[in-house]
Protein backbone atom coordinates (compact mmCIF):
# COMPACT_ATOMS: atom_id res chain seq x y z
CA MET A 1 75.71 120.80 89.77
CA SER A 2 76.38 117.13 90.81
CA ALA A 3 76.11 115.95 94.53
CA TRP A 4 79.45 113.88 94.97
CA ALA A 5 80.77 111.63 97.80
CA LEU A 6 84.06 109.77 98.56
CA ASP A 7 84.95 106.87 100.54
CA LEU A 8 88.44 107.52 101.20
CA GLY A 9 89.56 103.93 102.04
CA THR A 10 92.70 102.41 103.68
CA THR A 11 93.12 99.83 100.60
CA ASN A 12 90.65 101.22 98.27
CA SER A 13 88.93 104.38 97.48
CA ALA A 14 85.48 105.05 95.70
CA LEU A 15 84.14 108.00 94.40
CA ALA A 16 80.25 108.49 93.51
CA ARG A 17 77.54 110.96 92.39
CA PHE A 18 74.03 111.16 92.36
CA ASN A 19 71.90 110.43 89.24
CA ALA A 20 68.93 113.33 89.57
CA GLU A 21 67.00 111.63 86.55
CA GLN A 22 67.18 108.05 88.03
CA ARG A 23 67.22 109.47 91.47
CA ARG A 24 69.79 107.00 92.49
CA PRO A 25 73.65 107.15 93.43
CA GLU A 26 76.16 105.78 90.90
CA LEU A 27 79.52 104.62 91.49
CA LEU A 28 81.80 106.74 88.85
CA GLU A 29 83.81 104.25 86.47
CA LEU A 30 87.49 105.40 86.18
CA PRO A 31 88.87 102.69 84.18
CA GLU A 32 92.29 104.05 83.98
CA LEU A 33 92.84 104.20 88.07
CA SER A 34 90.39 101.17 88.99
CA ARG A 35 91.65 97.99 90.08
CA ARG A 36 90.43 96.04 87.55
CA PRO A 37 88.50 97.76 85.02
CA ALA A 38 87.33 94.88 82.75
CA GLY A 39 86.93 92.54 85.71
CA ALA A 40 83.78 90.81 85.74
CA ASP A 41 84.74 89.14 89.39
CA VAL A 42 82.42 91.48 91.53
CA LEU A 43 84.27 90.12 94.52
CA THR A 44 87.58 91.72 93.62
CA ALA A 45 86.34 95.19 93.98
CA PRO A 46 87.04 95.58 90.27
CA ARG A 47 85.97 99.41 90.30
CA MET A 48 87.52 100.60 93.45
CA VAL A 49 90.62 102.89 93.13
CA PRO A 50 93.53 101.49 95.11
CA SER A 51 94.45 104.18 97.50
CA VAL A 52 98.20 104.46 96.69
CA VAL A 53 100.38 107.16 95.14
CA GLN A 54 103.41 107.04 93.05
CA LEU A 55 105.06 110.54 92.86
CA LEU A 56 106.12 112.22 89.61
CA GLU A 57 108.98 114.38 88.56
CA PRO A 58 107.24 117.41 88.09
CA ASP A 59 107.22 119.05 84.45
CA LEU A 60 106.57 122.84 83.77
CA PRO A 61 102.72 122.07 83.13
CA THR A 62 102.63 120.64 86.60
CA ARG A 63 104.75 123.12 88.46
CA LEU A 64 102.45 126.02 86.92
CA GLY A 65 99.37 123.96 87.64
CA GLY A 66 100.57 123.81 91.27
CA LEU A 67 100.43 127.65 91.87
CA PRO A 68 97.60 128.68 94.29
CA PHE A 69 95.91 130.97 91.46
CA LEU A 70 96.04 128.11 89.05
CA ARG A 71 95.63 125.19 91.27
CA ASP A 72 91.99 126.25 92.21
CA ARG A 73 90.96 126.79 88.60
CA VAL A 74 92.34 124.04 86.40
CA PHE A 75 94.09 120.72 86.66
CA TRP A 76 97.37 121.31 84.67
CA GLY A 77 100.04 118.71 84.57
CA ARG A 78 100.14 115.35 86.46
CA GLU A 79 101.84 115.32 90.26
CA ALA A 80 101.57 111.43 90.56
CA LEU A 81 100.28 108.15 89.43
CA ILE A 82 97.46 106.76 91.43
CA GLY A 83 95.34 103.88 91.74
CA ARG A 84 96.01 100.77 89.48
CA PRO A 85 99.02 102.22 87.48
CA ALA A 86 101.05 103.15 90.42
CA LEU A 87 100.45 99.48 92.10
CA GLU A 88 101.19 98.09 88.68
CA GLN A 89 104.80 100.36 88.57
CA ASN A 90 105.57 99.01 91.97
CA GLN A 91 104.60 95.37 91.90
CA ALA A 92 107.99 93.69 92.29
CA PHE A 93 110.23 96.35 93.93
CA PRO A 94 108.52 99.72 95.54
CA SER A 95 110.19 102.86 94.68
CA PRO A 96 111.03 105.24 97.43
CA SER A 97 108.46 107.81 95.61
CA PHE A 98 105.67 105.23 96.13
CA ALA A 99 103.33 105.52 99.20
CA PRO A 100 101.36 102.49 99.41
CA GLY A 101 98.98 104.29 101.71
CA PHE A 102 98.32 107.26 103.67
CA LYS A 103 94.99 107.05 105.53
CA ALA A 104 96.12 105.50 108.78
CA ALA A 105 99.03 108.29 109.05
CA LEU A 106 96.68 111.07 108.02
CA ALA A 107 94.68 109.91 110.99
CA THR A 108 97.36 109.98 113.62
CA GLN A 109 100.57 111.33 112.22
CA PRO A 110 99.83 113.61 109.43
CA THR A 111 103.44 115.20 109.23
CA ARG A 112 105.06 111.52 109.06
CA ASN A 113 106.86 111.17 105.72
CA LEU A 114 105.60 108.66 103.45
CA ALA A 115 107.45 108.60 100.53
CA ARG A 116 110.49 110.44 98.66
CA LEU A 117 111.26 111.87 95.21
CA GLY A 118 114.83 112.97 94.93
CA ASP A 119 115.71 115.20 97.99
CA ARG A 120 112.38 116.11 98.83
CA ARG A 121 110.13 114.02 101.27
CA TYR A 122 106.48 114.18 101.25
CA ASN A 123 104.43 113.64 104.44
CA ALA A 124 101.01 111.80 104.60
CA ARG A 125 99.13 115.12 104.57
CA GLU A 126 100.82 116.24 101.27
CA ILE A 127 100.40 112.53 99.61
CA ALA A 128 96.33 112.56 100.60
CA GLY A 129 96.38 116.06 98.91
CA ILE A 130 97.79 114.65 95.95
CA PHE A 131 95.77 111.58 95.72
CA LEU A 132 92.55 113.46 96.12
CA ARG A 133 94.01 115.90 93.37
CA GLU A 134 94.53 113.30 90.99
CA LEU A 135 91.41 111.55 91.52
CA CYS A 136 89.26 114.80 90.97
CA ALA A 137 91.18 115.45 87.89
CA ALA A 138 90.22 112.27 86.56
CA ALA A 139 86.55 112.53 87.21
CA ALA A 140 86.95 116.04 85.52
CA GLN A 141 88.34 114.74 82.57
CA GLN A 142 85.83 111.95 82.40
CA THR A 143 82.50 113.78 83.28
CA GLY A 144 83.63 117.26 82.12
CA GLU A 145 82.52 118.53 85.96
CA ARG A 146 84.90 119.75 88.52
CA ILE A 147 84.01 118.68 92.10
CA ARG A 148 83.35 121.72 94.07
CA ASP A 149 80.90 120.10 96.69
CA LEU A 150 82.04 116.97 98.20
CA THR A 151 80.99 114.55 100.93
CA ILE A 152 83.69 112.42 102.43
CA THR A 153 83.13 109.45 104.86
CA LEU A 154 85.00 108.87 108.02
CA PRO A 155 85.33 106.26 110.82
CA VAL A 156 83.36 107.30 113.97
CA ASP A 157 86.12 107.42 116.19
CA SER A 158 88.12 109.90 114.01
CA TYR A 159 89.28 112.92 116.04
CA ASP A 160 88.79 116.64 115.21
CA SER A 161 92.40 116.87 114.08
CA TYR A 162 91.73 114.35 111.29
CA ARG A 163 88.36 116.10 110.15
CA ALA A 164 90.80 119.21 110.00
CA GLU A 165 93.20 117.27 108.00
CA LEU A 166 90.17 116.27 105.33
CA HIS A 167 89.40 119.90 105.26
CA ALA A 168 92.85 120.86 104.35
CA ILE A 169 93.16 118.61 101.50
CA ALA A 170 89.95 119.11 100.16
CA THR A 171 90.78 122.58 99.89
CA SER A 172 93.88 122.03 98.38
CA ALA A 173 92.24 120.00 95.61
CA GLY A 174 89.88 122.79 94.97
CA ILE A 175 87.06 121.51 97.02
CA ARG A 176 84.98 124.73 98.09
CA SER A 177 82.41 122.88 100.20
CA LEU A 178 83.06 119.80 102.08
CA LYS A 179 80.69 117.51 104.34
CA LEU A 180 81.70 114.78 106.40
CA VAL A 181 79.76 111.83 107.24
CA ASP A 182 79.87 109.02 109.73
CA GLU A 183 80.60 105.64 107.84
CA PRO A 184 77.77 103.91 109.96
CA VAL A 185 75.19 106.50 108.85
CA ALA A 186 76.35 106.22 105.05
CA ALA A 187 76.38 102.63 104.99
CA ALA A 188 72.46 102.52 106.70
CA MET A 189 71.59 104.71 103.80
CA GLY A 190 73.47 102.70 101.22
CA TYR A 191 71.76 99.52 102.68
CA ALA A 192 68.35 101.11 102.19
CA LEU A 193 67.38 101.79 105.79
CA GLY A 194 64.91 104.78 106.59
CA VAL A 195 65.27 107.45 108.74
CA ASP A 196 61.84 107.78 110.35
CA GLN A 197 62.77 106.36 113.71
CA PRO A 198 65.99 105.81 116.04
CA ARG A 199 67.55 102.35 115.79
CA GLU A 200 70.40 100.56 117.21
CA ILE A 201 72.93 98.97 114.30
CA LEU A 202 75.88 97.24 114.27
CA LEU A 203 78.26 97.84 111.68
CA PHE A 204 80.96 95.18 110.72
CA ASP A 205 83.99 96.37 108.95
CA MET A 206 86.48 94.05 107.48
CA GLY A 207 88.94 95.25 105.03
CA GLY A 208 92.48 94.21 104.22
CA GLY A 209 93.85 94.96 107.45
CA THR A 210 91.69 95.24 110.39
CA MET A 211 88.43 94.25 111.56
CA HIS A 212 86.16 96.69 113.40
CA SER A 213 82.67 96.15 115.31
CA THR A 214 80.66 99.23 116.03
CA THR A 215 77.18 99.53 117.90
CA VAL A 216 75.74 102.85 117.06
CA LEU A 217 72.25 104.61 117.81
CA LEU A 218 70.76 106.30 114.39
CA THR A 219 68.29 108.91 114.97
CA PRO A 220 66.20 111.00 112.00
CA ARG A 221 68.20 114.15 113.20
CA GLY A 222 71.59 112.74 113.49
CA MET A 223 71.10 110.95 110.00
CA GLU A 224 70.16 114.31 108.43
CA ALA A 225 73.45 115.71 109.95
CA GLY A 226 75.71 112.72 108.81
CA ARG A 227 76.44 111.72 112.60
CA CYS A 228 75.60 108.99 114.98
CA GLU A 229 76.06 108.01 118.57
CA VAL A 230 78.79 105.40 119.38
CA ARG A 231 77.60 102.99 122.14
CA ALA A 232 80.37 100.41 121.61
CA LYS A 233 83.22 99.59 119.40
CA LYS A 234 86.10 97.20 119.18
CA GLY A 235 88.98 96.63 116.77
CA LEU A 236 91.22 93.90 116.00
CA PRO A 237 94.36 93.79 113.58
CA VAL A 238 92.93 91.06 111.42
CA GLY A 239 91.92 91.53 108.03
CA GLY A 240 92.55 89.92 104.38
CA ASP A 241 96.12 90.60 104.26
CA THR A 242 96.38 88.44 107.49
CA VAL A 243 94.36 85.55 106.19
CA ASP A 244 96.54 85.81 103.00
CA ARG A 245 99.61 85.09 104.97
CA TRP A 246 97.69 82.37 107.02
CA LEU A 247 96.74 80.74 103.77
CA LEU A 248 100.02 80.79 101.90
CA GLN A 249 101.59 79.32 105.05
CA ALA A 250 99.29 76.42 105.37
CA PHE A 251 99.78 75.76 101.66
CA CYS A 252 103.16 75.21 101.82
CA GLU A 253 103.28 73.10 104.87
CA ARG A 254 100.93 70.78 102.97
CA LEU A 255 103.63 70.89 100.08
CA GLN A 256 106.36 70.62 102.83
CA VAL A 257 108.18 73.51 101.54
CA GLN A 258 109.63 76.24 104.14
CA LEU A 259 108.62 79.77 103.64
CA PRO A 260 111.67 81.97 103.12
CA GLU A 261 112.06 84.81 105.59
CA GLY A 262 111.74 87.40 102.72
CA VAL A 263 114.76 89.47 103.72
CA ASP A 264 116.29 89.92 100.31
CA GLU A 265 115.01 91.25 97.36
CA THR A 266 114.55 87.65 95.22
CA GLU A 267 112.79 86.35 98.57
CA GLN A 268 110.46 89.46 98.71
CA LEU A 269 109.49 89.11 95.13
CA TRP A 270 108.78 85.56 95.42
CA LEU A 271 106.69 86.24 98.36
CA THR A 272 104.87 88.78 96.86
CA MET A 273 104.24 86.52 93.71
CA MET A 274 102.83 83.82 96.14
CA LEU A 275 100.75 86.15 98.29
CA ALA A 276 98.99 87.08 94.70
CA GLU A 277 98.56 83.59 94.09
CA THR A 278 97.13 82.82 97.34
CA ARG A 279 94.47 85.67 96.98
CA ARG A 280 93.38 84.38 93.38
CA VAL A 281 92.74 81.01 95.02
CA LYS A 282 90.93 82.38 98.05
CA GLU A 283 88.53 84.73 95.80
CA SER A 284 88.02 81.80 93.35
CA LEU A 285 86.88 79.66 96.33
CA HIS A 286 83.72 82.03 96.67
CA PHE A 287 82.20 80.37 93.89
CA VAL A 288 83.71 77.04 93.30
CA GLU A 289 84.08 73.94 95.44
CA GLU A 290 87.87 73.56 94.64
CA GLU A 291 90.71 75.34 93.25
CA THR A 292 94.57 74.61 92.30
CA PHE A 293 97.34 76.52 94.37
CA ILE A 294 100.33 76.52 92.07
CA LEU A 295 103.57 77.00 93.86
CA THR A 296 106.34 78.10 91.57
CA ALA A 297 109.20 80.56 91.02
CA PRO A 298 110.39 82.57 87.82
CA GLU A 299 113.23 80.79 85.59
CA GLU A 300 115.51 83.67 86.66
CA LEU A 301 115.07 82.75 90.30
CA ARG A 302 116.65 79.29 89.86
CA GLY A 303 117.84 78.92 93.36
CA LEU A 304 114.80 79.58 95.01
CA ARG A 305 113.05 77.30 92.01
CA ALA A 306 115.50 74.45 93.19
CA ARG A 307 114.69 75.23 96.77
CA ILE A 308 111.03 74.61 96.35
CA GLY A 309 111.19 71.78 94.02
CA GLY A 310 110.04 73.22 90.57
CA VAL A 311 106.38 73.64 90.05
CA GLN A 312 103.99 72.09 92.46
CA HIS A 313 100.20 72.07 92.42
CA LEU A 314 97.77 71.76 95.36
CA PRO A 315 94.03 71.09 95.22
CA VAL A 316 92.34 72.98 98.08
CA ARG A 317 88.53 72.70 98.72
CA ARG A 318 86.61 75.38 99.90
CA ASP A 319 85.74 73.45 103.30
CA GLN A 320 89.53 73.15 103.76
CA LEU A 321 90.14 77.10 103.45
CA GLN A 322 87.24 77.46 106.18
CA GLU A 323 89.26 74.69 108.29
CA ILE A 324 92.24 76.80 107.88
CA LEU A 325 90.45 80.05 108.84
CA GLU A 326 88.77 78.05 111.76
CA GLN A 327 92.28 76.88 113.31
CA ARG A 328 94.03 80.32 112.84
CA GLY A 329 91.10 81.87 114.60
CA LEU A 330 89.27 84.20 112.22
CA TYR A 331 85.73 83.09 113.45
CA SER A 332 86.75 83.17 116.95
CA ALA A 333 88.36 86.69 116.47
CA ILE A 334 84.89 87.71 114.75
CA GLN A 335 83.01 86.19 117.45
CA ILE A 336 85.26 88.22 120.30
CA SER A 337 84.87 91.48 118.67
CA LEU A 338 81.13 90.94 118.54
CA ASP A 339 80.90 89.76 122.41
CA GLU A 340 82.30 93.20 123.31
CA VAL A 341 79.76 95.47 121.28
CA ALA A 342 76.87 93.60 120.36
CA GLY A 343 73.63 93.16 122.02
CA THR A 344 70.30 92.70 119.89
CA PRO A 345 70.89 95.32 117.17
CA ALA A 346 67.98 96.28 115.01
CA GLU A 347 69.93 95.66 111.97
CA VAL A 348 73.78 94.30 111.28
CA LEU A 349 75.57 95.70 108.08
CA LEU A 350 78.52 94.44 106.79
CA VAL A 351 81.33 96.26 104.94
CA GLY A 352 84.84 95.50 103.60
CA GLY A 353 85.92 92.97 101.04
CA SER A 354 86.77 90.44 103.71
CA THR A 355 83.37 90.04 105.00
CA LEU A 356 82.61 87.68 101.70
CA LEU A 357 85.38 85.17 102.90
CA PRO A 358 83.48 81.86 103.15
CA GLY A 359 82.03 81.24 106.72
CA VAL A 360 81.71 85.14 107.89
CA VAL A 361 78.08 85.83 106.60
CA PRO A 362 76.92 82.64 107.67
CA LEU A 363 78.12 83.49 111.34
CA PHE A 364 76.25 86.46 111.27
CA HIS A 365 73.03 84.87 109.81
CA GLN A 366 73.47 82.11 112.50
CA ARG A 367 73.88 84.78 115.26
CA PHE A 368 71.44 87.53 114.56
CA GLY A 369 68.98 85.76 112.01
CA ARG A 370 68.95 86.31 108.15
CA ASP A 371 66.34 88.93 108.38
CA ARG A 372 68.69 91.53 110.15
CA VAL A 373 72.29 91.13 108.03
CA ARG A 374 72.69 93.34 104.91
CA ALA A 375 75.94 92.07 103.45
CA TRP A 376 75.38 92.47 99.41
CA GLN A 377 77.30 95.85 98.85
CA PRO A 378 80.57 95.48 100.88
CA PHE A 379 82.51 97.85 98.79
CA GLU A 380 79.75 100.31 97.84
CA ALA A 381 77.36 100.69 100.51
CA VAL A 382 79.04 103.62 102.41
CA VAL A 383 79.86 105.48 98.99
CA LEU A 384 76.53 105.04 97.55
CA GLY A 385 74.91 105.97 101.00
CA ALA A 386 77.08 109.21 101.33
CA THR A 387 76.09 110.06 97.69
CA THR A 388 72.39 109.96 98.81
CA LEU A 389 72.83 111.95 101.85
CA ALA A 390 75.09 114.60 99.95
CA ALA A 391 71.96 114.87 97.44
CA GLY A 392 69.09 115.10 100.36
CA ALA A 393 67.44 112.15 99.02
CA PHE A 394 66.74 110.67 102.59
CA LEU A 395 64.54 107.66 102.73
CA GLN A 396 61.45 107.86 104.73
CA ALA A 397 61.04 104.26 105.01
CA ASP A 398 62.98 101.09 104.45
CA LEU A 399 62.73 99.61 101.26
CA THR A 400 62.69 95.50 100.91
CA VAL A 401 65.67 93.98 99.64
CA HIS A 402 64.60 90.92 98.00
CA ASP A 403 61.60 89.64 96.02
CA TYR A 404 59.26 87.60 98.51
CA ALA A 405 56.88 84.90 97.04
CA PHE A 406 54.68 82.09 98.29
CA GLN A 407 55.05 78.80 96.87
CA THR A 408 52.09 76.99 94.77
CA GLN A 409 51.95 73.89 92.74
CA ASP A 410 50.91 73.18 89.11
CA ALA A 411 47.69 71.34 89.23
CA LYS A 412 48.88 69.34 86.02
CA THR A 413 52.34 68.64 86.80
CA GLY A 414 53.06 69.39 90.39
CA GLU A 415 55.89 71.51 89.53
CA PRO A 416 56.45 74.40 92.16
CA ARG A 417 55.44 78.02 90.84
CA TYR A 418 56.26 81.20 92.92
CA THR A 419 54.11 84.25 93.22
CA VAL A 420 55.94 87.32 94.06
CA VAL A 421 53.72 89.20 96.81
CA VAL A 422 56.31 91.88 98.31
CA PRO A 423 58.55 93.10 95.19
CA ARG A 424 61.90 94.56 96.34
CA GLY A 425 62.39 98.00 96.70
CA THR A 426 58.85 98.13 98.17
CA PRO A 427 58.64 100.87 101.26
CA VAL A 428 57.81 99.14 104.58
CA PRO A 429 55.01 99.20 106.14
CA THR A 430 52.64 98.43 103.63
CA ALA A 431 48.99 98.19 103.81
CA PRO A 432 47.89 95.02 105.15
CA GLN A 433 46.32 93.78 101.77
CA HIS A 434 49.21 94.94 99.85
CA TRP A 435 48.94 92.17 97.49
CA ARG A 436 45.65 90.23 97.36
CA GLN A 437 44.06 87.58 95.06
CA ALA A 438 41.57 84.73 95.07
CA MET A 439 43.18 81.31 94.77
CA VAL A 440 42.04 77.97 93.69
CA PRO A 441 43.81 75.07 95.47
CA ALA A 442 45.94 73.09 92.95
CA CYS A 443 44.94 69.51 94.08
CA ALA A 444 48.03 68.86 92.62
CA ARG A 445 47.88 64.66 93.25
CA GLY A 446 44.22 64.44 92.19
CA GLU A 447 43.25 64.39 95.82
CA PRO A 448 40.73 66.59 97.83
CA GLU A 449 42.76 69.38 99.57
CA SER A 450 41.99 69.74 103.23
CA ILE A 451 45.25 71.37 104.06
CA PHE A 452 46.96 74.69 102.59
CA LYS A 453 50.45 75.89 103.44
CA LEU A 454 52.16 79.00 103.16
CA LEU A 455 55.57 78.38 101.89
CA ILE A 456 57.81 81.60 101.73
CA PHE A 457 60.58 82.21 99.52
CA GLU A 458 62.98 84.85 99.35
CA ILE A 459 64.58 85.21 95.74
CA GLY A 460 67.42 87.36 95.39
CA ARG A 461 68.17 88.85 91.75
CA GLY A 462 70.67 91.29 90.63
CA GLY A 463 70.30 94.28 89.03
CA ALA A 464 71.37 98.08 88.48
CA ASP A 465 71.54 98.66 92.29
CA LEU A 466 74.56 96.80 92.35
CA ARG A 467 73.05 93.41 94.11
CA ARG A 468 75.05 91.22 92.26
CA PHE A 469 75.66 88.53 94.83
CA GLY A 470 73.89 87.04 97.41
CA TRP A 471 73.81 83.81 99.88
CA ASP A 472 71.85 80.89 99.46
CA ALA A 473 70.13 78.46 102.27
CA GLY A 474 73.27 76.77 102.92
CA GLY A 475 75.20 80.26 103.40
CA ASN A 476 77.20 79.85 99.98
CA LEU A 477 77.84 82.96 97.91
CA ARG A 478 75.89 83.10 94.62
CA ILE A 479 76.18 85.35 91.65
CA LEU A 480 72.77 87.06 90.90
CA ASP A 481 71.22 87.93 87.70
CA ASP A 482 67.80 88.99 86.43
CA GLY A 483 66.51 85.52 85.91
CA ASP A 484 65.17 83.45 88.24
CA GLY A 485 67.39 84.47 91.14
CA VAL A 486 68.49 82.51 94.18
CA LEU A 487 65.46 80.77 96.03
CA VAL A 488 65.88 80.57 99.64
CA PRO A 489 63.07 78.99 101.55
CA LEU A 490 62.12 81.03 104.96
CA ASN A 491 59.88 78.48 106.76
CA ALA A 492 60.24 75.27 105.18
CA ALA A 493 60.71 73.73 108.62
CA ASN A 494 57.76 75.17 109.81
CA PRO A 495 55.22 76.33 107.34
CA THR A 496 52.07 78.33 108.21
CA ILE A 497 49.34 75.73 107.84
CA GLY A 498 45.60 76.29 107.77
CA LEU A 499 42.76 73.72 107.30
CA LEU A 500 39.86 73.69 104.52
CA ASP A 501 36.80 72.13 106.07
CA PRO A 502 35.23 70.72 103.83
CA ALA A 503 38.02 69.81 101.63
CA HIS A 504 38.50 71.43 98.43
CA LEU A 505 37.59 68.58 95.44
CA PRO A 506 40.04 68.36 92.43
CA GLY A 507 37.49 68.94 89.77
CA ASP A 508 36.07 72.37 91.52
CA ARG A 509 37.92 75.10 89.86
CA SER A 510 36.18 78.04 91.56
CA ALA A 511 38.29 80.31 93.94
CA ARG A 512 38.29 79.15 97.42
CA LEU A 513 40.57 81.14 99.19
CA ASP A 514 40.79 85.03 99.39
CA LEU A 515 44.59 85.41 100.20
CA ALA A 516 46.36 88.89 101.21
CA PHE A 517 49.67 89.91 102.25
CA GLY A 518 51.41 93.10 103.75
CA VAL A 519 54.18 93.84 105.51
CA SER A 520 54.36 95.67 109.14
CA ALA A 521 56.42 98.26 110.64
CA ASP A 522 58.75 96.06 111.91
CA ARG A 523 59.19 93.67 108.90
CA TRP A 524 56.86 90.71 109.45
CA LEU A 525 55.03 89.48 106.44
CA VAL A 526 51.74 89.10 107.72
CA ALA A 527 48.78 86.86 105.74
CA THR A 528 44.98 87.42 105.62
CA VAL A 529 42.97 84.33 104.67
CA ARG A 530 39.43 83.99 104.10
CA ASP A 531 37.62 80.65 103.10
CA LEU A 532 35.18 81.95 100.55
CA LYS A 533 33.22 78.91 100.75
CA THR A 534 32.28 79.11 104.38
CA GLY A 535 33.16 82.84 104.87
CA LYS A 536 35.42 81.88 107.66
CA ILE A 537 38.69 83.95 108.41
CA LEU A 538 41.43 81.70 108.62
CA MET A 539 44.14 83.86 109.43
CA ASP A 540 43.84 87.57 110.26
CA GLN A 541 47.05 89.41 109.68
CA ALA A 542 49.11 86.68 111.06
CA PRO A 543 52.67 86.88 111.13
CA VAL A 544 54.50 84.46 108.75
CA VAL A 545 58.00 85.27 108.37
CA ARG A 546 60.40 88.44 109.20
CA ILE A 547 61.84 89.86 105.87
CA LEU A 548 64.81 91.89 105.05
């Protein structure tokens, strides 16, 4: 029986299971339901399932499948469309039988009606149960396995009533054993943090509707139980949807077009179209310096098309987008959120798709240091961590996130070379001589070499663990692959320097330096260097840079 976990999100949800053979969690691919099944853009959450429900008129198999005796044994019929098909069917004009979300109401008003099919009204509890039932049915159809044991993540500020609601909907979907895990605990595991010692972390979650900053204390015992102690929290009603409206308004102002109020169906349809175009531009500017916003209206909306002046094109640069976000107060809102909860956390975890907006991660790098910020799995970290916890595969030590290398020069060409001394996935701490090698100074310019420098680089690479993007030294988002990766100098402004006395001569190809690297318990890369010619210890487990 697989270990399953669900991140039940306000905008998107994700289902994962643990691969026992490879000893790692895997996000379940559900092409019929996911947001963009063939999407290559990892920033659009292509494999997430939108948390929406379109109710269907029940046919005979569905009625029979809903009987208590059968509901726990088989998935007969279909009660609703969920995910992308439900979104597509309600793109222009939402139907009364469409529920565009349910999590917020389930947590606070579970009996609140969210949709209507004929004369029957469905409350948040019923909509959530239908969503989970259809999600489990899709998983069973694809994997041949019915989910009986499930772990669900939940916000740390959830009340006991919300936990009770989750137990109820899980039972209605045929789940026989349910475990609940606090989201910061799951995110910590998803971001490869070990459980060997207590530590204070900051979780920053910015999705479609809100941003939340939460400082929690993680302990080994609490991690095993899926719980953490909340130290401080702050939420603000600012998210990706807010940003889209800000940007659309700014774009229209630059084109000198008055935004309609969106009170009739024609205007509402146009606003929906233009917000989708705004999101396209926003997401494209993650990777390109400039994108064109196209303001238009369909031919059938001739009156509106005439009012906006036909088709208009607005080139938008990434720095202009950041300027709009600065003017509208996004970055100051984040700072306000952090000021109320953050002291000096040991680790900073970022989740939610809106954390990928330009300027957000660099803000955290500047405030907390690059070595503390984990942000490369905003969509999957929580569900993958919860799956790891569900399988009991606890990490007993931190694992390094990137490859770390020191730079040398080719003796003939002077071209830089990078020697990896700490591969990603290395458990921390290591032995002081985790990597050791005798080195010959390059004397790249054909001159005696009396100084050696330890220039350390972080190398970000992609791979099967979903690290598909990272940030370069300038704070720009970059797609990662398995090739050379993204090189980030960590100590170029203040490299570790040692002296060779006497100087090493260009014609001498004998090894001169005995060089060793290790990683300390608090993730400092430490170096030990001995001059083989003189026997002098030039560095003795000296800290060079702190790594992630």
